Amino acid sequence: MTVEIDRLPPVNSGMAAVVVASLCTALLGLYSLYAAPFGALAMVAAAGTTFRGWRRAATLTGVFLFLGAMVSGVLGAPTVVVVAGVGGSVVAWDLLDNAVSLGEQLGREADTSRAELVHAAGSVSVGAVVSLCSYGLYQVAGGGRPLAALVFLLLGAVALTSVLRS
């Protein structure tokens, strides 16, 4: 008698990603109500990834949070908020992508809480350091340049990352 393994992702990382998405949505929504729908869509996509194991929904989570950060930046949100929103989008996507991979390899029933905790701590740490360094570079090299320049710089970085990943 064989037992089939449930290949859905573990819930812990998915819930952590939903929390990150909701924090980003709240932060971005304080400065632009137009960014809030993107955050809501990101939370729905994160829940879809968590409960159905859809890798595309994990990518959509990051994309929606990124778009919310871009909208808030274009509409005048402070630079630190935009950078935090973009960093949060990458962290949420990474947490969900890792959860889907764990689900595919080990299944939902496996005890992966320690691995998820270590991955989440590393992801948040790297996201925070990169965001802080990006903000610091912007402050040093800003020189009165408009926020739109930062938005297009971030779009270029995402496009480059996307091309290199393919």
N, C-alpha and C. Protein backbone atom coordinates (compact mmCIF):
# COMPACT_ATOMS: atom_id res chain seq x y z
N MET A 1 0.84 -1.18 0.00
CA MET A 1 0.00 0.00 0.00
C MET A 1 0.89 1.25 0.00
N THR A 2 0.68 2.09 -0.96
CA THR A 2 1.48 3.31 -1.05
C THR A 2 0.64 4.51 -0.62
N VAL A 3 1.30 5.44 -0.02
CA VAL A 3 0.65 6.66 0.41
C VAL A 3 1.12 7.78 -0.51
N GLU A 4 0.18 8.50 -1.07
CA GLU A 4 0.54 9.60 -1.96
C GLU A 4 0.90 10.83 -1.14
N ILE A 5 1.97 11.50 -1.56
CA ILE A 5 2.45 12.68 -0.86
C ILE A 5 1.71 13.91 -1.38
N ASP A 6 1.23 14.71 -0.46
CA ASP A 6 0.56 15.96 -0.81
C ASP A 6 1.63 16.98 -1.20
N ARG A 7 1.71 17.35 -2.47
CA ARG A 7 2.78 18.20 -2.99
C ARG A 7 2.47 19.69 -2.87
N LEU A 8 1.54 20.07 -2.02
CA LEU A 8 1.26 21.49 -1.81
C LEU A 8 2.35 22.11 -0.94
N PRO A 9 2.55 23.41 -1.05
CA PRO A 9 3.61 24.05 -0.26
C PRO A 9 3.25 24.10 1.23
N PRO A 10 4.28 24.15 2.09
CA PRO A 10 4.03 24.31 3.52
C PRO A 10 3.36 25.67 3.79
N VAL A 11 2.57 25.70 4.83
CA VAL A 11 1.76 26.89 5.11
C VAL A 11 2.58 28.02 5.74
N ASN A 12 3.63 27.69 6.49
CA ASN A 12 4.37 28.72 7.23
C ASN A 12 4.94 29.80 6.32
N SER A 13 5.64 29.40 5.28
CA SER A 13 6.25 30.39 4.37
C SER A 13 5.17 31.18 3.63
N GLY A 14 4.09 30.51 3.27
CA GLY A 14 2.99 31.21 2.60
C GLY A 14 2.37 32.27 3.49
N MET A 15 2.16 31.94 4.73
CA MET A 15 1.58 32.92 5.65
C MET A 15 2.56 34.07 5.90
N ALA A 16 3.85 33.76 5.97
CA ALA A 16 4.85 34.83 6.13
C ALA A 16 4.82 35.76 4.92
N ALA A 17 4.65 35.20 3.73
CA ALA A 17 4.57 36.03 2.52
C ALA A 17 3.31 36.88 2.52
N VAL A 18 2.21 36.32 3.00
CA VAL A 18 0.97 37.11 3.10
C VAL A 18 1.15 38.26 4.08
N VAL A 19 1.86 38.00 5.19
CA VAL A 19 2.13 39.07 6.16
C VAL A 19 3.01 40.16 5.53
N VAL A 20 4.04 39.75 4.80
CA VAL A 20 4.91 40.73 4.13
C VAL A 20 4.10 41.54 3.12
N ALA A 21 3.25 40.86 2.36
CA ALA A 21 2.42 41.56 1.37
C ALA A 21 1.47 42.53 2.04
N SER A 22 0.88 42.14 3.17
CA SER A 22 -0.06 43.04 3.84
C SER A 22 0.67 44.23 4.47
N LEU A 23 1.87 44.02 4.99
CA LEU A 23 2.65 45.14 5.52
C LEU A 23 3.04 46.12 4.41
N CYS A 24 3.46 45.58 3.28
CA CYS A 24 3.80 46.45 2.14
C CYS A 24 2.57 47.20 1.65
N THR A 25 1.44 46.52 1.60
CA THR A 25 0.20 47.15 1.15
C THR A 25 -0.19 48.29 2.09
N ALA A 26 -0.08 48.04 3.39
CA ALA A 26 -0.43 49.08 4.36
C ALA A 26 0.52 50.27 4.23
N LEU A 27 1.81 50.00 4.10
CA LEU A 27 2.79 51.08 3.98
C LEU A 27 2.58 51.88 2.71
N LEU A 28 2.42 51.19 1.58
CA LEU A 28 2.22 51.89 0.32
C LEU A 28 0.87 52.59 0.27
N GLY A 29 -0.14 51.99 0.88
CA GLY A 29 -1.48 52.57 0.90
C GLY A 29 -1.56 53.86 1.70
N LEU A 30 -0.64 54.04 2.63
CA LEU A 30 -0.61 55.29 3.39
C LEU A 30 -0.29 56.49 2.50
N TYR A 31 0.45 56.25 1.44
CA TYR A 31 0.87 57.34 0.57
C TYR A 31 0.13 57.40 -0.75
N SER A 32 -0.51 56.31 -1.12
CA SER A 32 -1.25 56.30 -2.37
C SER A 32 -2.36 55.26 -2.31
N LEU A 33 -3.58 55.72 -2.39
CA LEU A 33 -4.70 54.77 -2.41
C LEU A 33 -4.72 53.95 -3.69
N TYR A 34 -4.08 54.45 -4.73
CA TYR A 34 -4.02 53.71 -5.98
C TYR A 34 -3.10 52.49 -5.89
N ALA A 35 -2.22 52.46 -4.91
CA ALA A 35 -1.33 51.31 -4.73
C ALA A 35 -2.02 50.18 -3.97
N ALA A 36 -3.04 50.49 -3.21
CA ALA A 36 -3.70 49.49 -2.37
C ALA A 36 -4.33 48.34 -3.17
N PRO A 37 -4.99 48.58 -4.30
CA PRO A 37 -5.53 47.44 -5.06
C PRO A 37 -4.45 46.46 -5.53
N PHE A 38 -3.28 46.98 -5.88
CA PHE A 38 -2.20 46.09 -6.26
C PHE A 38 -1.78 45.21 -5.09
N GLY A 39 -1.74 45.81 -3.90
CA GLY A 39 -1.41 45.04 -2.71
C GLY A 39 -2.47 44.00 -2.39
N ALA A 40 -3.73 44.35 -2.59
CA ALA A 40 -4.80 43.37 -2.36
C ALA A 40 -4.69 42.21 -3.33
N LEU A 41 -4.39 42.51 -4.59
CA LEU A 41 -4.20 41.44 -5.57
C LEU A 41 -2.99 40.58 -5.20
N ALA A 42 -1.96 41.20 -4.66
CA ALA A 42 -0.78 40.44 -4.23
C ALA A 42 -1.13 39.49 -3.09
N MET A 43 -1.95 39.94 -2.15
CA MET A 43 -2.33 39.07 -1.04
C MET A 43 -3.18 37.90 -1.53
N VAL A 44 -4.06 38.15 -2.49
CA VAL A 44 -4.87 37.06 -3.06
C VAL A 44 -3.97 36.06 -3.79
N ALA A 45 -3.01 36.58 -4.56
CA ALA A 45 -2.08 35.69 -5.27
C ALA A 45 -1.23 34.89 -4.29
N ALA A 46 -0.81 35.51 -3.19
CA ALA A 46 -0.02 34.79 -2.18
C ALA A 46 -0.85 33.69 -1.53
N ALA A 47 -2.11 33.98 -1.27
CA ALA A 47 -2.98 32.95 -0.70
C ALA A 47 -3.19 31.81 -1.70
N GLY A 48 -3.32 32.15 -2.98
CA GLY A 48 -3.45 31.13 -4.01
C GLY A 48 -2.22 30.23 -4.08
N THR A 49 -1.05 30.84 -3.93
CA THR A 49 0.18 30.05 -3.93
C THR A 49 0.22 29.14 -2.72
N THR A 50 -0.16 29.67 -1.57
CA THR A 50 -0.08 28.91 -0.34
C THR A 50 -1.02 27.71 -0.34
N PHE A 51 -2.23 27.90 -0.81
CA PHE A 51 -3.22 26.84 -0.68
C PHE A 51 -3.37 25.97 -1.92
N ARG A 52 -2.85 26.43 -3.07
CA ARG A 52 -2.96 25.63 -4.28
C ARG A 52 -1.61 25.26 -4.88
N GLY A 53 -0.55 25.92 -4.46
CA GLY A 53 0.78 25.58 -4.95
C GLY A 53 1.10 26.10 -6.34
N TRP A 54 0.50 27.22 -6.73
CA TRP A 54 0.70 27.78 -8.06
C TRP A 54 1.94 28.66 -8.08
N ARG A 55 2.96 28.24 -8.81
CA ARG A 55 4.19 29.03 -8.89
C ARG A 55 3.97 30.36 -9.62
N ARG A 56 3.08 30.37 -10.60
CA ARG A 56 2.80 31.63 -11.30
C ARG A 56 2.16 32.65 -10.38
N ALA A 57 1.35 32.17 -9.45
CA ALA A 57 0.75 33.09 -8.48
C ALA A 57 1.82 33.68 -7.57
N ALA A 58 2.88 32.94 -7.28
CA ALA A 58 3.99 33.47 -6.50
C ALA A 58 4.66 34.62 -7.26
N THR A 59 4.85 34.42 -8.55
CA THR A 59 5.43 35.48 -9.37
C THR A 59 4.50 36.69 -9.44
N LEU A 60 3.21 36.42 -9.57
CA LEU A 60 2.24 37.53 -9.60
C LEU A 60 2.23 38.31 -8.30
N THR A 61 2.45 37.64 -7.19
CA THR A 61 2.53 38.34 -5.90
C THR A 61 3.62 39.39 -5.94
N GLY A 62 4.81 38.99 -6.37
CA GLY A 62 5.92 39.94 -6.47
C GLY A 62 5.65 41.04 -7.47
N VAL A 63 5.05 40.69 -8.60
CA VAL A 63 4.76 41.69 -9.64
C VAL A 63 3.75 42.71 -9.13
N PHE A 64 2.68 42.24 -8.49
CA PHE A 64 1.66 43.17 -8.00
C PHE A 64 2.22 44.10 -6.92
N LEU A 65 3.02 43.57 -6.01
CA LEU A 65 3.62 44.45 -4.99
C LEU A 65 4.58 45.44 -5.62
N PHE A 66 5.33 44.99 -6.60
CA PHE A 66 6.26 45.88 -7.31
C PHE A 66 5.49 47.00 -8.01
N LEU A 67 4.40 46.64 -8.68
CA LEU A 67 3.60 47.66 -9.36
C LEU A 67 2.99 48.64 -8.36
N GLY A 68 2.56 48.14 -7.22
CA GLY A 68 2.05 49.02 -6.17
C GLY A 68 3.11 50.00 -5.70
N ALA A 69 4.34 49.52 -5.55
CA ALA A 69 5.43 50.41 -5.14
C ALA A 69 5.72 51.45 -6.22
N MET A 70 5.67 51.03 -7.47
CA MET A 70 5.93 51.97 -8.56
C MET A 70 4.83 53.03 -8.63
N VAL A 71 3.58 52.61 -8.48
CA VAL A 71 2.47 53.57 -8.51
C VAL A 71 2.61 54.57 -7.37
N SER A 72 2.93 54.08 -6.18
CA SER A 72 3.07 55.02 -5.06
C SER A 72 4.26 55.94 -5.26
N GLY A 73 5.32 55.45 -5.89
CA GLY A 73 6.48 56.30 -6.16
C GLY A 73 6.17 57.38 -7.17
N VAL A 74 5.45 57.02 -8.22
CA VAL A 74 5.09 58.00 -9.24
C VAL A 74 4.16 59.06 -8.66
N LEU A 75 3.32 58.66 -7.71
CA LEU A 75 2.36 59.60 -7.13
C LEU A 75 2.92 60.35 -5.92
N GLY A 76 4.23 60.25 -5.67
CA GLY A 76 4.84 61.12 -4.68
C GLY A 76 5.16 60.52 -3.34
N ALA A 77 5.17 59.21 -3.21
CA ALA A 77 5.56 58.60 -1.94
C ALA A 77 7.04 58.86 -1.69
N PRO A 78 7.44 58.92 -0.43
CA PRO A 78 8.87 59.11 -0.14
C PRO A 78 9.71 57.95 -0.70
N THR A 79 10.94 58.24 -0.99
CA THR A 79 11.84 57.26 -1.58
C THR A 79 11.99 56.03 -0.70
N VAL A 80 12.09 56.22 0.59
CA VAL A 80 12.28 55.08 1.49
C VAL A 80 11.08 54.14 1.45
N VAL A 81 9.90 54.67 1.25
CA VAL A 81 8.70 53.84 1.16
C VAL A 81 8.71 53.02 -0.14
N VAL A 82 9.11 53.65 -1.22
CA VAL A 82 9.19 52.94 -2.51
C VAL A 82 10.23 51.83 -2.44
N VAL A 83 11.38 52.12 -1.88
CA VAL A 83 12.43 51.11 -1.78
C VAL A 83 11.99 49.97 -0.86
N ALA A 84 11.32 50.30 0.25
CA ALA A 84 10.81 49.25 1.15
C ALA A 84 9.74 48.40 0.46
N GLY A 85 8.90 49.02 -0.35
CA GLY A 85 7.89 48.27 -1.08
C GLY A 85 8.49 47.33 -2.10
N VAL A 86 9.50 47.79 -2.81
CA VAL A 86 10.17 46.93 -3.80
C VAL A 86 10.90 45.79 -3.08
N GLY A 87 11.58 46.11 -1.99
CA GLY A 87 12.25 45.05 -1.22
C GLY A 87 11.26 44.03 -0.68
N GLY A 88 10.11 44.51 -0.21
CA GLY A 88 9.07 43.60 0.28
C GLY A 88 8.51 42.72 -0.82
N SER A 89 8.43 43.26 -2.03
CA SER A 89 7.92 42.45 -3.14
C SER A 89 8.87 41.30 -3.45
N VAL A 90 10.15 41.57 -3.40
CA VAL A 90 11.14 40.51 -3.67
C VAL A 90 11.12 39.47 -2.55
N VAL A 91 11.01 39.93 -1.31
CA VAL A 91 10.98 38.99 -0.17
C VAL A 91 9.74 38.11 -0.25
N ALA A 92 8.58 38.69 -0.52
CA ALA A 92 7.35 37.90 -0.62
C ALA A 92 7.44 36.87 -1.73
N TRP A 93 7.95 37.30 -2.89
CA TRP A 93 8.11 36.35 -3.99
C TRP A 93 9.07 35.22 -3.62
N ASP A 94 10.18 35.56 -2.98
CA ASP A 94 11.17 34.56 -2.62
C ASP A 94 10.61 33.56 -1.61
N LEU A 95 9.88 34.03 -0.63
CA LEU A 95 9.27 33.14 0.35
C LEU A 95 8.30 32.17 -0.31
N LEU A 96 7.49 32.68 -1.22
CA LEU A 96 6.52 31.83 -1.90
C LEU A 96 7.19 30.84 -2.85
N ASP A 97 8.20 31.29 -3.57
CA ASP A 97 8.91 30.40 -4.48
C ASP A 97 9.58 29.28 -3.70
N ASN A 98 10.16 29.59 -2.56
CA ASN A 98 10.78 28.57 -1.73
C ASN A 98 9.72 27.61 -1.18
N ALA A 99 8.57 28.12 -0.81
CA ALA A 99 7.51 27.26 -0.29
C ALA A 99 7.04 26.27 -1.36
N VAL A 100 6.89 26.75 -2.59
CA VAL A 100 6.46 25.86 -3.68
C VAL A 100 7.52 24.79 -3.92
N SER A 101 8.79 25.18 -3.89
CA SER A 101 9.87 24.20 -4.08
C SER A 101 9.89 23.16 -2.97
N LEU A 102 9.71 23.60 -1.74
CA LEU A 102 9.65 22.65 -0.62
C LEU A 102 8.46 21.70 -0.77
N GLY A 103 7.34 22.24 -1.20
CA GLY A 103 6.17 21.40 -1.39
C GLY A 103 6.38 20.37 -2.48
N GLU A 104 7.02 20.78 -3.58
CA GLU A 104 7.28 19.84 -4.67
C GLU A 104 8.26 18.75 -4.25
N GLN A 105 9.25 19.10 -3.44
CA GLN A 105 10.28 18.14 -3.06
C GLN A 105 9.87 17.26 -1.88
N LEU A 106 9.27 17.88 -0.85
CA LEU A 106 9.01 17.16 0.39
C LEU A 106 7.54 16.97 0.72
N GLY A 107 6.70 17.82 0.18
CA GLY A 107 5.28 17.73 0.48
C GLY A 107 4.90 18.58 1.69
N ARG A 108 3.61 18.77 1.85
CA ARG A 108 3.10 19.63 2.92
C ARG A 108 3.24 18.98 4.29
N GLU A 109 3.20 17.67 4.35
CA GLU A 109 3.21 16.97 5.64
C GLU A 109 4.59 16.92 6.28
N ALA A 110 5.64 17.15 5.53
CA ALA A 110 7.01 17.11 6.09
C ALA A 110 7.22 18.29 7.04
N ASP A 111 8.02 18.06 8.06
CA ASP A 111 8.33 19.13 9.01
C ASP A 111 9.46 19.98 8.44
N THR A 112 9.09 21.08 7.84
CA THR A 112 10.06 21.97 7.20
C THR A 112 10.16 23.32 7.91
N SER A 113 9.65 23.38 9.12
CA SER A 113 9.57 24.68 9.79
C SER A 113 10.94 25.31 10.02
N ARG A 114 11.95 24.51 10.37
CA ARG A 114 13.28 25.08 10.60
C ARG A 114 13.88 25.60 9.30
N ALA A 115 13.73 24.83 8.24
CA ALA A 115 14.26 25.27 6.94
C ALA A 115 13.54 26.54 6.48
N GLU A 116 12.25 26.60 6.69
CA GLU A 116 11.49 27.79 6.30
C GLU A 116 11.90 29.00 7.13
N LEU A 117 12.12 28.80 8.42
CA LEU A 117 12.52 29.90 9.29
C LEU A 117 13.89 30.45 8.90
N VAL A 118 14.83 29.55 8.63
CA VAL A 118 16.17 29.99 8.23
C VAL A 118 16.11 30.72 6.89
N HIS A 119 15.33 30.17 5.95
CA HIS A 119 15.21 30.83 4.64
C HIS A 119 14.55 32.19 4.77
N ALA A 120 13.50 32.28 5.59
CA ALA A 120 12.80 33.55 5.77
C ALA A 120 13.73 34.59 6.42
N ALA A 121 14.50 34.16 7.42
CA ALA A 121 15.43 35.10 8.07
C ALA A 121 16.48 35.59 7.08
N GLY A 122 17.00 34.68 6.29
CA GLY A 122 17.99 35.07 5.28
C GLY A 122 17.40 35.99 4.23
N SER A 123 16.20 35.68 3.78
CA SER A 123 15.55 36.49 2.75
C SER A 123 15.26 37.89 3.26
N VAL A 124 14.73 37.99 4.46
CA VAL A 124 14.44 39.30 5.04
C VAL A 124 15.73 40.08 5.27
N SER A 125 16.76 39.39 5.74
CA SER A 125 18.04 40.07 5.99
C SER A 125 18.65 40.61 4.70
N VAL A 126 18.69 39.77 3.67
CA VAL A 126 19.25 40.22 2.39
C VAL A 126 18.40 41.34 1.81
N GLY A 127 17.07 41.21 1.88
CA GLY A 127 16.18 42.26 1.38
C GLY A 127 16.40 43.58 2.11
N ALA A 128 16.57 43.51 3.43
CA ALA A 128 16.78 44.73 4.21
C ALA A 128 18.12 45.38 3.88
N VAL A 129 19.17 44.57 3.77
CA VAL A 129 20.50 45.12 3.46
C VAL A 129 20.51 45.75 2.07
N VAL A 130 19.94 45.06 1.09
CA VAL A 130 19.91 45.60 -0.27
C VAL A 130 19.07 46.88 -0.32
N SER A 131 17.95 46.89 0.37
CA SER A 131 17.10 48.08 0.38
C SER A 131 17.82 49.25 1.05
N LEU A 132 18.47 49.00 2.17
CA LEU A 132 19.20 50.06 2.86
C LEU A 132 20.35 50.59 2.01
N CYS A 133 21.08 49.67 1.37
CA CYS A 133 22.18 50.12 0.50
C CYS A 133 21.65 50.90 -0.70
N SER A 134 20.54 50.47 -1.26
CA SER A 134 19.94 51.19 -2.39
C SER A 134 19.51 52.58 -1.97
N TYR A 135 18.89 52.67 -0.82
CA TYR A 135 18.46 53.98 -0.33
C TYR A 135 19.67 54.87 -0.04
N GLY A 136 20.71 54.28 0.55
CA GLY A 136 21.92 55.05 0.82
C GLY A 136 22.57 55.56 -0.45
N LEU A 137 22.64 54.71 -1.48
CA LEU A 137 23.19 55.16 -2.76
C LEU A 137 22.34 56.26 -3.38
N TYR A 138 21.04 56.13 -3.24
CA TYR A 138 20.16 57.17 -3.78
C TYR A 138 20.40 58.50 -3.06
N GLN A 139 20.57 58.43 -1.75
CA GLN A 139 20.80 59.66 -0.99
C GLN A 139 22.14 60.30 -1.36
N VAL A 140 23.16 59.48 -1.57
CA VAL A 140 24.48 60.00 -1.90
C VAL A 140 24.49 60.57 -3.32
N ALA A 141 23.90 59.83 -4.25
CA ALA A 141 23.97 60.23 -5.65
C ALA A 141 22.72 60.95 -6.11
N GLY A 142 21.76 61.15 -5.22
CA GLY A 142 20.48 61.75 -5.60
C GLY A 142 20.64 63.11 -6.23
N GLY A 143 21.23 64.04 -5.53
CA GLY A 143 21.51 65.35 -6.08
C GLY A 143 20.29 66.07 -6.62
N GLY A 144 19.13 65.87 -6.03
CA GLY A 144 17.94 66.58 -6.47
C GLY A 144 17.26 65.97 -7.67
N ARG A 145 17.63 64.77 -8.04
CA ARG A 145 16.98 64.12 -9.18
C ARG A 145 15.56 63.71 -8.78
N PRO A 146 14.66 63.67 -9.72
CA PRO A 146 13.27 63.35 -9.39
C PRO A 146 13.11 61.88 -9.01
N LEU A 147 12.03 61.59 -8.30
CA LEU A 147 11.74 60.23 -7.88
C LEU A 147 11.46 59.32 -9.07
N ALA A 148 10.99 59.89 -10.15
CA ALA A 148 10.74 59.08 -11.35
C ALA A 148 12.02 58.41 -11.84
N ALA A 149 13.17 59.05 -11.63
CA ALA A 149 14.44 58.44 -12.02
C ALA A 149 14.68 57.17 -11.21
N LEU A 150 14.35 57.19 -9.92
CA LEU A 150 14.48 56.00 -9.09
C LEU A 150 13.53 54.91 -9.56
N VAL A 151 12.32 55.29 -9.91
CA VAL A 151 11.34 54.32 -10.38
C VAL A 151 11.85 53.63 -11.64
N PHE A 152 12.35 54.39 -12.59
CA PHE A 152 12.85 53.79 -13.82
C PHE A 152 14.12 52.98 -13.59
N LEU A 153 14.94 53.39 -12.63
CA LEU A 153 16.11 52.61 -12.27
C LEU A 153 15.69 51.25 -11.71
N LEU A 154 14.68 51.24 -10.84
CA LEU A 154 14.18 49.98 -10.30
C LEU A 154 13.56 49.11 -11.38
N LEU A 155 12.83 49.72 -12.31
CA LEU A 155 12.27 48.95 -13.42
C LEU A 155 13.38 48.32 -14.26
N GLY A 156 14.43 49.05 -14.48
CA GLY A 156 15.57 48.53 -15.23
C GLY A 156 16.24 47.37 -14.49
N ALA A 157 16.35 47.48 -13.18
CA ALA A 157 16.95 46.40 -12.39
C ALA A 157 16.10 45.14 -12.46
N VAL A 158 14.79 45.29 -12.40
CA VAL A 158 13.90 44.13 -12.49
C VAL A 158 13.97 43.52 -13.89
N ALA A 159 14.02 44.34 -14.92
CA ALA A 159 14.14 43.80 -16.27
C ALA A 159 15.44 43.06 -16.46
N LEU A 160 16.53 43.59 -15.92
CA LEU A 160 17.82 42.92 -16.03
C LEU A 160 17.80 41.59 -15.29
N THR A 161 17.25 41.58 -14.10
CA THR A 161 17.14 40.34 -13.33
C THR A 161 16.30 39.31 -14.06
N SER A 162 15.23 39.75 -14.66
CA SER A 162 14.35 38.84 -15.41
C SER A 162 15.08 38.24 -16.60
N VAL A 163 15.84 39.04 -17.31
CA VAL A 163 16.58 38.55 -18.47
C VAL A 163 17.68 37.58 -18.05
N LEU A 164 18.37 37.90 -16.97
CA LEU A 164 19.46 37.04 -16.52
C LEU A 164 18.93 35.71 -15.98
N ARG A 165 17.73 35.71 -15.42
CA ARG A 165 17.15 34.49 -14.86
C ARG A 165 16.72 33.54 -15.97
N SER A 166 16.35 34.06 -17.12
CA SER A 166 15.86 33.21 -18.21
C SER A 166 16.93 32.40 -18.85
